[in-house]
């Protein structure tokens, strides 16, 4: 746990240096409210970030969404996307994957709260041309901790100079997408 404690502290330090107007962290009641709305527990590290760092407003590029609230939020985006995926022939959004930030152009980073390590996924719908949505899902990082380390190190695919580097690790197709997006209707 010491490594995760250290990671959370480094994230908090970076968040504070990047944004002097960070929202206050959420309390246990807000975590419980969000989990009640979602119908499952947040990944433990994600819950710690919201509880110990801030209610969004930090992280790569467009920064993490707030957990709850009016407008775009983790719980709100998840519920909207899941509602649109229920009872349709080709569901778009898998159960248990919470959107944590938008990359713009309808792209999202999401944390798979049903995976032990909290895989970070990329939803990239722009090339969608009908049928199953599984081709729009990519594995960005095998764990939320590794994704955060990439952000802290400035080595993510989303960094401005990323494509100038030889060691760039781009998101790859998420091999669980087809099984996690079962056909409905």
N, C-alpha and C. Protein backbone atom coordinates (compact mmCIF):
# COMPACT_ATOMS: atom_id res chain seq x y z
N UNK A 1 0.82 -1.20 0.00
CA UNK A 1 0.00 0.00 0.00
C UNK A 1 0.86 1.26 0.00
N UNK A 2 2.10 1.15 0.46
CA UNK A 2 2.97 2.32 0.52
C UNK A 2 3.18 2.92 -0.86
N UNK A 3 3.30 2.07 -1.89
CA UNK A 3 3.48 2.59 -3.24
C UNK A 3 2.27 3.38 -3.69
N UNK A 4 1.07 2.90 -3.38
CA UNK A 4 -0.14 3.62 -3.75
C UNK A 4 -0.26 4.90 -2.93
N UNK A 5 0.12 4.85 -1.65
CA UNK A 5 0.12 6.06 -0.82
C UNK A 5 1.04 7.11 -1.44
N UNK A 6 2.22 6.68 -1.87
CA UNK A 6 3.19 7.58 -2.50
C UNK A 6 2.62 8.14 -3.81
N UNK A 7 1.99 7.28 -4.61
CA UNK A 7 1.41 7.72 -5.87
C UNK A 7 0.32 8.77 -5.63
N UNK A 8 -0.55 8.53 -4.68
CA UNK A 8 -1.61 9.50 -4.38
C UNK A 8 -1.01 10.83 -3.94
N UNK A 9 0.03 10.79 -3.15
CA UNK A 9 0.69 12.03 -2.71
C UNK A 9 1.31 12.77 -3.88
N UNK A 10 1.95 12.04 -4.80
CA UNK A 10 2.56 12.69 -5.97
C UNK A 10 1.50 13.27 -6.90
N UNK A 11 0.38 12.55 -7.04
CA UNK A 11 -0.73 13.08 -7.84
C UNK A 11 -1.28 14.35 -7.19
N UNK A 12 -1.45 14.33 -5.88
CA UNK A 12 -1.96 15.51 -5.17
C UNK A 12 -1.02 16.70 -5.34
N UNK A 13 0.27 16.46 -5.25
CA UNK A 13 1.25 17.53 -5.42
C UNK A 13 1.19 18.11 -6.83
N UNK A 14 1.16 17.24 -7.82
CA UNK A 14 1.09 17.70 -9.22
C UNK A 14 -0.23 18.44 -9.47
N UNK A 15 -1.32 17.89 -8.95
CA UNK A 15 -2.63 18.52 -9.13
C UNK A 15 -2.63 19.94 -8.57
N UNK A 16 -2.08 20.09 -7.37
CA UNK A 16 -2.04 21.41 -6.73
C UNK A 16 -1.15 22.37 -7.50
N UNK A 17 -0.06 21.87 -8.07
CA UNK A 17 0.84 22.77 -8.82
C UNK A 17 0.25 23.14 -10.18
N UNK A 18 -0.58 22.27 -10.76
CA UNK A 18 -1.19 22.54 -12.06
C UNK A 18 -2.43 23.43 -11.96
N UNK A 19 -3.11 23.40 -10.82
CA UNK A 19 -4.39 24.10 -10.70
C UNK A 19 -4.55 24.64 -9.29
N UNK A 20 -4.37 25.91 -9.14
CA UNK A 20 -4.46 26.50 -7.79
C UNK A 20 -5.90 26.58 -7.30
N UNK A 21 -6.87 26.36 -8.16
CA UNK A 21 -8.28 26.40 -7.77
C UNK A 21 -8.92 25.03 -7.83
N UNK A 22 -8.22 24.03 -7.35
CA UNK A 22 -8.77 22.67 -7.34
C UNK A 22 -10.04 22.61 -6.51
N UNK A 23 -11.02 21.85 -6.96
CA UNK A 23 -12.20 21.64 -6.11
C UNK A 23 -11.79 20.86 -4.86
N UNK A 24 -12.54 21.01 -3.82
CA UNK A 24 -12.27 20.26 -2.59
C UNK A 24 -12.50 18.77 -2.85
N UNK A 25 -11.79 17.92 -2.14
CA UNK A 25 -12.06 16.48 -2.26
C UNK A 25 -13.49 16.17 -1.79
N UNK A 26 -14.00 15.04 -2.21
CA UNK A 26 -15.33 14.62 -1.77
C UNK A 26 -15.20 13.81 -0.48
N UNK A 27 -16.29 13.67 0.24
CA UNK A 27 -16.30 12.88 1.45
C UNK A 27 -16.85 11.48 1.20
N UNK A 28 -16.86 10.71 2.25
CA UNK A 28 -17.38 9.34 2.14
C UNK A 28 -18.84 9.31 1.70
N UNK A 29 -19.61 10.31 2.10
CA UNK A 29 -21.03 10.35 1.72
C UNK A 29 -21.20 10.51 0.22
N UNK A 30 -20.35 11.34 -0.41
CA UNK A 30 -20.43 11.52 -1.87
C UNK A 30 -19.96 10.27 -2.60
N UNK A 31 -18.94 9.61 -2.07
CA UNK A 31 -18.48 8.35 -2.67
C UNK A 31 -19.62 7.33 -2.60
N UNK A 32 -20.26 7.22 -1.45
CA UNK A 32 -21.37 6.28 -1.28
C UNK A 32 -22.53 6.65 -2.20
N UNK A 33 -22.83 7.93 -2.33
CA UNK A 33 -23.90 8.37 -3.22
C UNK A 33 -23.59 8.00 -4.67
N UNK A 34 -22.37 8.25 -5.10
CA UNK A 34 -21.98 7.91 -6.48
C UNK A 34 -22.07 6.41 -6.70
N UNK A 35 -21.56 5.64 -5.76
CA UNK A 35 -21.61 4.18 -5.90
C UNK A 35 -23.04 3.67 -5.90
N UNK A 36 -23.90 4.31 -5.12
CA UNK A 36 -25.32 3.94 -5.13
C UNK A 36 -25.95 4.21 -6.49
N UNK A 37 -25.62 5.34 -7.09
CA UNK A 37 -26.15 5.66 -8.42
C UNK A 37 -25.59 4.73 -9.48
N UNK A 38 -24.30 4.42 -9.38
CA UNK A 38 -23.66 3.57 -10.38
C UNK A 38 -24.10 2.11 -10.26
N UNK A 39 -24.32 1.66 -9.03
CA UNK A 39 -24.70 0.27 -8.81
C UNK A 39 -23.51 -0.65 -8.59
N UNK A 40 -22.34 -0.08 -8.37
CA UNK A 40 -21.11 -0.85 -8.09
C UNK A 40 -20.11 0.09 -7.42
N UNK A 41 -19.09 -0.50 -6.84
CA UNK A 41 -18.05 0.29 -6.15
C UNK A 41 -17.08 0.89 -7.16
N UNK A 42 -16.65 2.09 -6.88
CA UNK A 42 -15.57 2.68 -7.66
C UNK A 42 -14.30 1.86 -7.43
N UNK A 43 -13.40 1.87 -8.39
CA UNK A 43 -12.11 1.23 -8.16
C UNK A 43 -11.48 1.93 -6.95
N UNK A 44 -10.85 1.18 -6.03
CA UNK A 44 -10.33 1.79 -4.80
C UNK A 44 -9.38 2.97 -5.03
N UNK A 45 -8.51 2.88 -6.02
CA UNK A 45 -7.59 4.00 -6.27
C UNK A 45 -8.36 5.21 -6.79
N UNK A 46 -9.33 5.00 -7.64
CA UNK A 46 -10.13 6.12 -8.14
C UNK A 46 -10.87 6.80 -6.99
N UNK A 47 -11.44 6.00 -6.09
CA UNK A 47 -12.13 6.57 -4.92
C UNK A 47 -11.16 7.39 -4.07
N UNK A 48 -9.94 6.88 -3.91
CA UNK A 48 -8.94 7.63 -3.12
C UNK A 48 -8.61 8.97 -3.77
N UNK A 49 -8.50 8.98 -5.09
CA UNK A 49 -8.18 10.24 -5.78
C UNK A 49 -9.26 11.29 -5.51
N UNK A 50 -10.51 10.87 -5.60
CA UNK A 50 -11.61 11.81 -5.35
C UNK A 50 -11.69 12.18 -3.87
N UNK A 51 -11.35 11.27 -2.99
CA UNK A 51 -11.43 11.51 -1.55
C UNK A 51 -10.23 12.30 -1.03
N UNK A 52 -9.04 12.09 -1.63
CA UNK A 52 -7.82 12.66 -1.06
C UNK A 52 -7.18 13.77 -1.89
N UNK A 53 -7.49 13.84 -3.19
CA UNK A 53 -6.85 14.85 -4.04
C UNK A 53 -7.83 15.99 -4.32
N UNK A 54 -8.89 15.69 -5.06
CA UNK A 54 -9.88 16.73 -5.41
C UNK A 54 -11.05 16.07 -6.12
N UNK A 55 -12.14 16.81 -6.21
CA UNK A 55 -13.31 16.35 -6.95
C UNK A 55 -13.13 16.71 -8.42
N UNK A 56 -12.18 16.04 -9.06
CA UNK A 56 -11.84 16.32 -10.46
C UNK A 56 -10.99 17.56 -10.58
N UNK A 57 -10.80 18.02 -11.83
CA UNK A 57 -10.03 19.23 -12.06
C UNK A 57 -8.53 19.01 -12.12
N UNK A 58 -8.08 17.76 -12.17
CA UNK A 58 -6.65 17.47 -12.27
C UNK A 58 -6.48 16.30 -13.24
N UNK A 59 -5.25 16.10 -13.67
CA UNK A 59 -4.95 15.00 -14.58
C UNK A 59 -4.61 15.51 -15.96
N UNK A 60 -4.47 14.59 -16.89
CA UNK A 60 -4.05 14.98 -18.23
C UNK A 60 -5.07 15.85 -18.94
N UNK A 61 -4.58 16.69 -19.79
CA UNK A 61 -5.35 17.45 -20.77
C UNK A 61 -6.61 18.10 -20.20
N UNK A 62 -7.77 17.54 -20.48
CA UNK A 62 -9.03 18.15 -20.06
C UNK A 62 -9.36 17.92 -18.58
N UNK A 63 -8.60 17.11 -17.92
CA UNK A 63 -8.69 16.87 -16.48
C UNK A 63 -9.91 16.04 -16.07
N UNK A 64 -9.78 15.38 -14.93
CA UNK A 64 -10.84 14.48 -14.46
C UNK A 64 -12.14 15.24 -14.21
N UNK A 65 -13.23 14.57 -14.55
CA UNK A 65 -14.56 15.10 -14.32
C UNK A 65 -14.86 15.09 -12.82
N UNK A 66 -15.77 15.95 -12.35
CA UNK A 66 -16.23 15.82 -10.97
C UNK A 66 -16.98 14.50 -10.81
N UNK A 67 -17.04 14.00 -9.62
CA UNK A 67 -17.68 12.71 -9.36
C UNK A 67 -19.20 12.79 -9.53
N UNK A 68 -19.81 13.81 -8.96
CA UNK A 68 -21.27 14.01 -9.00
C UNK A 68 -21.55 15.43 -9.44
N UNK A 69 -22.81 15.75 -9.58
CA UNK A 69 -23.17 17.13 -9.75
C UNK A 69 -23.84 17.46 -11.06
N UNK A 70 -24.23 18.71 -11.16
CA UNK A 70 -24.87 19.16 -12.40
C UNK A 70 -23.82 19.20 -13.51
N UNK A 71 -24.27 19.08 -14.72
CA UNK A 71 -23.34 19.08 -15.85
C UNK A 71 -22.63 17.75 -15.96
N UNK A 72 -21.55 17.76 -16.66
CA UNK A 72 -20.79 16.54 -16.92
C UNK A 72 -20.09 16.06 -15.64
N UNK A 73 -20.34 14.81 -15.27
CA UNK A 73 -19.71 14.21 -14.09
C UNK A 73 -19.51 12.73 -14.36
N UNK A 74 -18.70 12.09 -13.53
CA UNK A 74 -18.45 10.65 -13.68
C UNK A 74 -19.77 9.88 -13.63
N UNK A 75 -20.54 10.08 -12.57
CA UNK A 75 -21.80 9.33 -12.42
C UNK A 75 -22.79 9.70 -13.51
N UNK A 76 -22.92 10.97 -13.81
CA UNK A 76 -23.88 11.42 -14.81
C UNK A 76 -23.56 10.90 -16.20
N UNK A 77 -22.30 10.98 -16.61
CA UNK A 77 -21.91 10.48 -17.93
C UNK A 77 -22.11 8.97 -18.02
N UNK A 78 -21.73 8.25 -16.95
CA UNK A 78 -21.90 6.80 -16.96
C UNK A 78 -23.37 6.43 -17.11
N UNK A 79 -24.22 7.04 -16.30
CA UNK A 79 -25.65 6.69 -16.34
C UNK A 79 -26.27 7.03 -17.69
N UNK A 80 -25.90 8.15 -18.26
CA UNK A 80 -26.41 8.53 -19.59
C UNK A 80 -25.98 7.52 -20.65
N UNK A 81 -24.72 7.16 -20.63
CA UNK A 81 -24.18 6.23 -21.65
C UNK A 81 -24.73 4.82 -21.47
N UNK A 82 -24.88 4.40 -20.23
CA UNK A 82 -25.44 3.06 -19.99
C UNK A 82 -26.92 3.02 -20.38
N UNK A 83 -27.65 4.07 -20.05
CA UNK A 83 -29.07 4.10 -20.40
C UNK A 83 -29.24 3.97 -21.92
N UNK A 84 -28.38 4.63 -22.68
CA UNK A 84 -28.44 4.55 -24.14
C UNK A 84 -28.01 3.18 -24.66
N UNK A 85 -27.38 2.36 -23.82
CA UNK A 85 -26.88 1.05 -24.23
C UNK A 85 -27.80 -0.11 -23.84
N UNK A 86 -28.82 0.18 -23.05
CA UNK A 86 -29.71 -0.88 -22.57
C UNK A 86 -30.79 -1.17 -23.61
N UNK A 87 -30.93 -2.45 -23.94
CA UNK A 87 -31.99 -2.88 -24.83
C UNK A 87 -31.77 -2.57 -26.30
N UNK A 88 -30.58 -2.16 -26.67
CA UNK A 88 -30.29 -1.90 -28.08
C UNK A 88 -29.49 -3.07 -28.66
N UNK A 89 -29.56 -3.21 -29.95
CA UNK A 89 -28.86 -4.33 -30.60
C UNK A 89 -27.35 -4.25 -30.39
N UNK A 90 -26.82 -3.04 -30.46
CA UNK A 90 -25.37 -2.86 -30.32
C UNK A 90 -25.09 -1.83 -29.22
N UNK A 91 -24.95 -2.31 -27.97
CA UNK A 91 -24.66 -1.37 -26.88
C UNK A 91 -23.30 -0.70 -27.07
N UNK A 92 -23.26 0.55 -26.67
CA UNK A 92 -22.05 1.36 -26.86
C UNK A 92 -21.14 1.32 -25.63
N UNK A 93 -21.74 1.30 -24.44
CA UNK A 93 -20.96 1.50 -23.21
C UNK A 93 -21.06 0.27 -22.31
N UNK A 94 -19.91 -0.31 -21.91
CA UNK A 94 -19.94 -1.50 -21.05
C UNK A 94 -20.25 -1.18 -19.59
N UNK A 95 -20.88 -2.12 -18.94
CA UNK A 95 -21.16 -2.00 -17.51
C UNK A 95 -19.84 -1.93 -16.74
N UNK A 96 -19.80 -1.06 -15.74
CA UNK A 96 -18.65 -0.98 -14.85
C UNK A 96 -17.52 -0.08 -15.30
N UNK A 97 -17.61 0.52 -16.48
CA UNK A 97 -16.57 1.42 -16.98
C UNK A 97 -17.04 2.86 -16.81
N UNK A 98 -16.42 3.57 -15.87
CA UNK A 98 -16.84 4.96 -15.61
C UNK A 98 -15.97 5.93 -16.40
N UNK A 99 -16.62 6.86 -17.12
CA UNK A 99 -15.84 7.88 -17.82
C UNK A 99 -15.24 8.84 -16.80
N UNK A 100 -13.94 9.05 -16.89
CA UNK A 100 -13.30 9.94 -15.92
C UNK A 100 -12.86 11.26 -16.53
N UNK A 101 -12.67 11.29 -17.85
CA UNK A 101 -12.37 12.56 -18.51
C UNK A 101 -12.72 12.45 -19.98
N UNK A 102 -12.97 13.58 -20.57
CA UNK A 102 -13.22 13.63 -22.01
C UNK A 102 -11.96 14.15 -22.68
N UNK A 103 -11.65 13.54 -23.82
CA UNK A 103 -10.52 14.00 -24.63
C UNK A 103 -11.00 14.97 -25.71
N UNK A 104 -12.31 15.23 -25.76
CA UNK A 104 -12.89 16.03 -26.82
C UNK A 104 -13.31 15.12 -27.97
N UNK A 105 -14.07 15.64 -28.90
CA UNK A 105 -14.53 14.88 -30.07
C UNK A 105 -15.23 13.58 -29.68
N UNK A 106 -15.96 13.59 -28.56
CA UNK A 106 -16.72 12.44 -28.04
C UNK A 106 -15.84 11.29 -27.56
N UNK A 107 -14.56 11.55 -27.38
CA UNK A 107 -13.64 10.53 -26.85
C UNK A 107 -13.57 10.65 -25.33
N UNK A 108 -13.48 9.48 -24.67
CA UNK A 108 -13.40 9.45 -23.21
C UNK A 108 -12.30 8.52 -22.74
N UNK A 109 -11.73 8.85 -21.59
CA UNK A 109 -10.94 7.90 -20.82
C UNK A 109 -11.89 7.35 -19.77
N UNK A 110 -11.84 6.05 -19.56
CA UNK A 110 -12.71 5.43 -18.57
C UNK A 110 -11.93 4.43 -17.73
N UNK A 111 -12.36 4.25 -16.50
CA UNK A 111 -11.75 3.27 -15.61
C UNK A 111 -12.70 2.09 -15.48
N UNK A 112 -12.17 0.90 -15.73
CA UNK A 112 -12.96 -0.32 -15.58
C UNK A 112 -12.97 -0.70 -14.10
N UNK A 113 -14.03 -0.32 -13.43
CA UNK A 113 -14.14 -0.58 -11.99
C UNK A 113 -14.36 -2.06 -11.69
N UNK A 114 -14.64 -2.87 -12.70
CA UNK A 114 -14.82 -4.30 -12.50
C UNK A 114 -13.52 -5.07 -12.67
N UNK A 115 -12.45 -4.39 -13.10
CA UNK A 115 -11.15 -5.06 -13.22
C UNK A 115 -10.34 -4.78 -11.96
N UNK A 116 -9.57 -5.75 -11.56
CA UNK A 116 -8.81 -5.65 -10.31
C UNK A 116 -7.86 -4.45 -10.30
N UNK A 117 -7.19 -4.19 -11.42
CA UNK A 117 -6.21 -3.12 -11.48
C UNK A 117 -6.79 -1.79 -11.95
N UNK A 118 -8.08 -1.78 -12.28
CA UNK A 118 -8.68 -0.54 -12.76
C UNK A 118 -8.13 -0.15 -14.13
N UNK A 119 -8.24 -1.05 -15.09
CA UNK A 119 -7.76 -0.75 -16.44
C UNK A 119 -8.31 0.61 -16.89
N UNK A 120 -7.47 1.35 -17.60
CA UNK A 120 -7.92 2.62 -18.17
C UNK A 120 -8.15 2.37 -19.66
N UNK A 121 -9.36 2.69 -20.09
CA UNK A 121 -9.78 2.44 -21.45
C UNK A 121 -9.98 3.75 -22.19
N UNK A 122 -9.83 3.69 -23.50
CA UNK A 122 -10.10 4.82 -24.37
C UNK A 122 -11.30 4.46 -25.22
N UNK A 123 -12.32 5.31 -25.18
CA UNK A 123 -13.47 5.17 -26.07
C UNK A 123 -13.29 6.19 -27.17
N UNK A 124 -13.13 5.71 -28.40
CA UNK A 124 -12.88 6.56 -29.56
C UNK A 124 -13.95 6.25 -30.62
N UNK A 125 -15.10 6.95 -30.57
CA UNK A 125 -16.22 6.60 -31.43
C UNK A 125 -16.16 7.17 -32.85
N UNK A 126 -15.21 8.02 -33.13
CA UNK A 126 -15.23 8.75 -34.40
C UNK A 126 -15.19 7.88 -35.65
N UNK A 127 -14.50 6.76 -35.68
CA UNK A 127 -14.54 5.94 -36.90
C UNK A 127 -15.75 5.01 -36.99
N UNK A 128 -16.65 5.06 -36.01
CA UNK A 128 -17.80 4.16 -35.98
C UNK A 128 -18.65 4.31 -37.24
N UNK A 129 -19.01 3.17 -37.84
CA UNK A 129 -19.82 3.23 -39.06
C UNK A 129 -21.00 2.28 -39.02
N UNK A 130 -21.43 1.91 -37.81
CA UNK A 130 -22.57 1.01 -37.64
C UNK A 130 -22.14 -0.35 -37.12
N UNK A 131 -23.09 -1.07 -36.57
CA UNK A 131 -22.80 -2.40 -36.02
C UNK A 131 -22.24 -2.32 -34.61
N UNK A 132 -21.51 -3.36 -34.19
CA UNK A 132 -20.96 -3.39 -32.84
C UNK A 132 -19.96 -2.25 -32.59
N UNK A 133 -19.93 -1.83 -31.34
CA UNK A 133 -19.05 -0.74 -30.92
C UNK A 133 -17.69 -1.22 -30.44
N UNK A 134 -17.44 -2.52 -30.43
CA UNK A 134 -16.20 -3.00 -29.82
C UNK A 134 -14.95 -2.45 -30.49
N UNK A 135 -15.01 -2.09 -31.78
CA UNK A 135 -13.84 -1.54 -32.46
C UNK A 135 -13.51 -0.12 -31.99
N UNK A 136 -14.38 0.45 -31.17
CA UNK A 136 -14.17 1.82 -30.68
C UNK A 136 -13.53 1.85 -29.29
N UNK A 137 -13.23 0.67 -28.73
CA UNK A 137 -12.68 0.58 -27.38
C UNK A 137 -11.22 0.13 -27.42
N UNK A 138 -10.39 0.86 -26.66
CA UNK A 138 -8.95 0.59 -26.64
C UNK A 138 -8.45 0.53 -25.20
N UNK A 139 -7.45 -0.31 -24.97
CA UNK A 139 -6.79 -0.38 -23.67
C UNK A 139 -5.71 0.68 -23.65
N UNK A 140 -5.89 1.69 -22.84
CA UNK A 140 -4.91 2.77 -22.71
C UNK A 140 -3.82 2.35 -21.73
N UNK A 141 -4.22 1.73 -20.63
CA UNK A 141 -3.26 1.28 -19.61
C UNK A 141 -3.84 0.10 -18.85
N UNK A 142 -2.99 -0.83 -18.50
CA UNK A 142 -3.43 -2.03 -17.77
C UNK A 142 -3.89 -1.71 -16.36
N UNK A 143 -3.53 -0.52 -15.85
CA UNK A 143 -3.97 -0.15 -14.50
C UNK A 143 -4.06 1.36 -14.38
N UNK A 144 -4.93 1.80 -13.49
CA UNK A 144 -5.06 3.22 -13.20
C UNK A 144 -3.75 3.76 -12.63
N UNK A 145 -3.08 2.97 -11.80
CA UNK A 145 -1.81 3.41 -11.22
C UNK A 145 -0.78 3.67 -12.32
N UNK A 146 -0.67 2.77 -13.28
CA UNK A 146 0.30 2.94 -14.38
C UNK A 146 -0.08 4.15 -15.24
N UNK A 147 -1.37 4.36 -15.46
CA UNK A 147 -1.84 5.50 -16.25
C UNK A 147 -1.45 6.81 -15.56
N UNK A 148 -1.63 6.85 -14.24
CA UNK A 148 -1.25 8.04 -13.48
C UNK A 148 0.26 8.27 -13.54
N UNK A 149 1.03 7.19 -13.46
CA UNK A 149 2.50 7.31 -13.56
C UNK A 149 2.89 7.89 -14.92
N UNK A 150 2.21 7.46 -15.97
CA UNK A 150 2.48 7.98 -17.32
C UNK A 150 2.20 9.48 -17.37
N UNK A 151 1.08 9.89 -16.78
CA UNK A 151 0.75 11.31 -16.74
C UNK A 151 1.80 12.08 -15.95
N UNK A 152 2.18 11.57 -14.78
CA UNK A 152 3.17 12.26 -13.96
C UNK A 152 4.51 12.40 -14.67
N UNK A 153 4.87 11.37 -15.46
CA UNK A 153 6.15 11.37 -16.18
C UNK A 153 6.09 12.16 -17.49
N UNK A 154 4.88 12.52 -17.93
CA UNK A 154 4.74 13.25 -19.19
C UNK A 154 5.02 12.40 -20.41
N UNK A 155 4.72 11.08 -20.31
CA UNK A 155 5.05 10.18 -21.42
C UNK A 155 3.82 9.54 -22.07
N UNK A 156 2.64 10.04 -21.81
CA UNK A 156 1.43 9.46 -22.38
C UNK A 156 1.26 9.80 -23.85
N UNK A 157 0.49 8.99 -24.54
CA UNK A 157 0.19 9.24 -25.96
C UNK A 157 -0.50 10.58 -26.18
N UNK A 158 -1.11 11.09 -25.12
CA UNK A 158 -1.89 12.33 -25.19
C UNK A 158 -1.03 13.58 -25.04
N UNK A 159 0.25 13.41 -24.75
CA UNK A 159 1.14 14.57 -24.60
C UNK A 159 1.39 15.21 -25.96
N UNK A 160 1.59 16.53 -25.96
CA UNK A 160 1.73 17.27 -27.21
C UNK A 160 2.84 16.73 -28.11
N UNK A 161 3.96 16.35 -27.52
CA UNK A 161 5.10 15.88 -28.31
C UNK A 161 5.18 14.35 -28.41
N UNK A 162 4.13 13.66 -28.06
CA UNK A 162 4.16 12.19 -27.96
C UNK A 162 4.61 11.51 -29.25
N UNK A 163 4.14 11.97 -30.36
CA UNK A 163 4.43 11.27 -31.60
C UNK A 163 5.83 11.56 -32.13
N UNK A 164 6.57 12.41 -31.44
CA UNK A 164 7.96 12.66 -31.78
C UNK A 164 8.90 11.67 -31.09
N UNK A 165 8.36 10.88 -30.16
CA UNK A 165 9.18 9.94 -29.39
C UNK A 165 9.15 8.54 -30.02
N UNK A 166 10.27 7.83 -29.89
CA UNK A 166 10.37 6.47 -30.42
C UNK A 166 9.73 5.44 -29.50
N UNK A 167 9.58 5.77 -28.22
CA UNK A 167 9.08 4.81 -27.22
C UNK A 167 7.59 4.96 -26.93
N UNK A 168 6.85 5.59 -27.82
CA UNK A 168 5.44 5.85 -27.58
C UNK A 168 4.63 4.55 -27.52
N UNK A 169 3.88 4.39 -26.45
CA UNK A 169 2.97 3.24 -26.31
C UNK A 169 1.55 3.74 -26.56
N UNK A 170 1.03 3.45 -27.73
CA UNK A 170 -0.32 3.88 -28.08
C UNK A 170 -1.35 2.89 -27.55
N UNK A 171 -2.56 3.37 -27.30
CA UNK A 171 -3.62 2.44 -26.90
C UNK A 171 -3.81 1.36 -27.98
N UNK A 172 -4.11 0.16 -27.51
CA UNK A 172 -4.33 -0.96 -28.44
C UNK A 172 -5.75 -1.47 -28.25
N UNK A 173 -6.31 -2.17 -29.23
CA UNK A 173 -7.69 -2.64 -29.09
C UNK A 173 -7.90 -3.38 -27.77
N UNK A 174 -9.03 -3.14 -27.14
CA UNK A 174 -9.38 -3.78 -25.86
C UNK A 174 -9.96 -5.14 -26.17
N UNK A 175 -9.26 -6.19 -25.82
CA UNK A 175 -9.67 -7.55 -26.19
C UNK A 175 -10.94 -8.02 -25.48
N UNK A 176 -11.37 -7.33 -24.44
CA UNK A 176 -12.59 -7.71 -23.73
C UNK A 176 -13.83 -6.98 -24.24
N UNK A 177 -13.64 -6.07 -25.20
CA UNK A 177 -14.75 -5.22 -25.64
C UNK A 177 -15.94 -6.02 -26.13
N UNK A 178 -15.73 -7.00 -26.99
CA UNK A 178 -16.86 -7.76 -27.55
C UNK A 178 -17.63 -8.50 -26.47
N UNK A 179 -16.92 -9.07 -25.49
CA UNK A 179 -17.61 -9.82 -24.43
C UNK A 179 -18.29 -8.89 -23.42
N UNK A 180 -17.78 -7.66 -23.27
CA UNK A 180 -18.37 -6.72 -22.33
C UNK A 180 -19.49 -5.88 -22.94
N UNK A 181 -19.64 -5.98 -24.26
CA UNK A 181 -20.70 -5.26 -24.96
C UNK A 181 -21.61 -6.28 -25.66
N UNK A 182 -22.27 -7.12 -24.87
CA UNK A 182 -23.09 -8.16 -25.50
C UNK A 182 -24.25 -7.56 -26.29
N UNK A 183 -24.57 -8.20 -27.40
CA UNK A 183 -25.70 -7.74 -28.21
C UNK A 183 -26.98 -7.84 -27.41
N UNK A 184 -27.81 -6.84 -27.55
CA UNK A 184 -29.10 -6.80 -26.84
C UNK A 184 -30.24 -6.94 -27.82
N UNK A 185 -31.31 -6.22 -27.55
CA UNK A 185 -32.53 -6.18 -28.36
C UNK A 185 -32.76 -7.48 -29.01
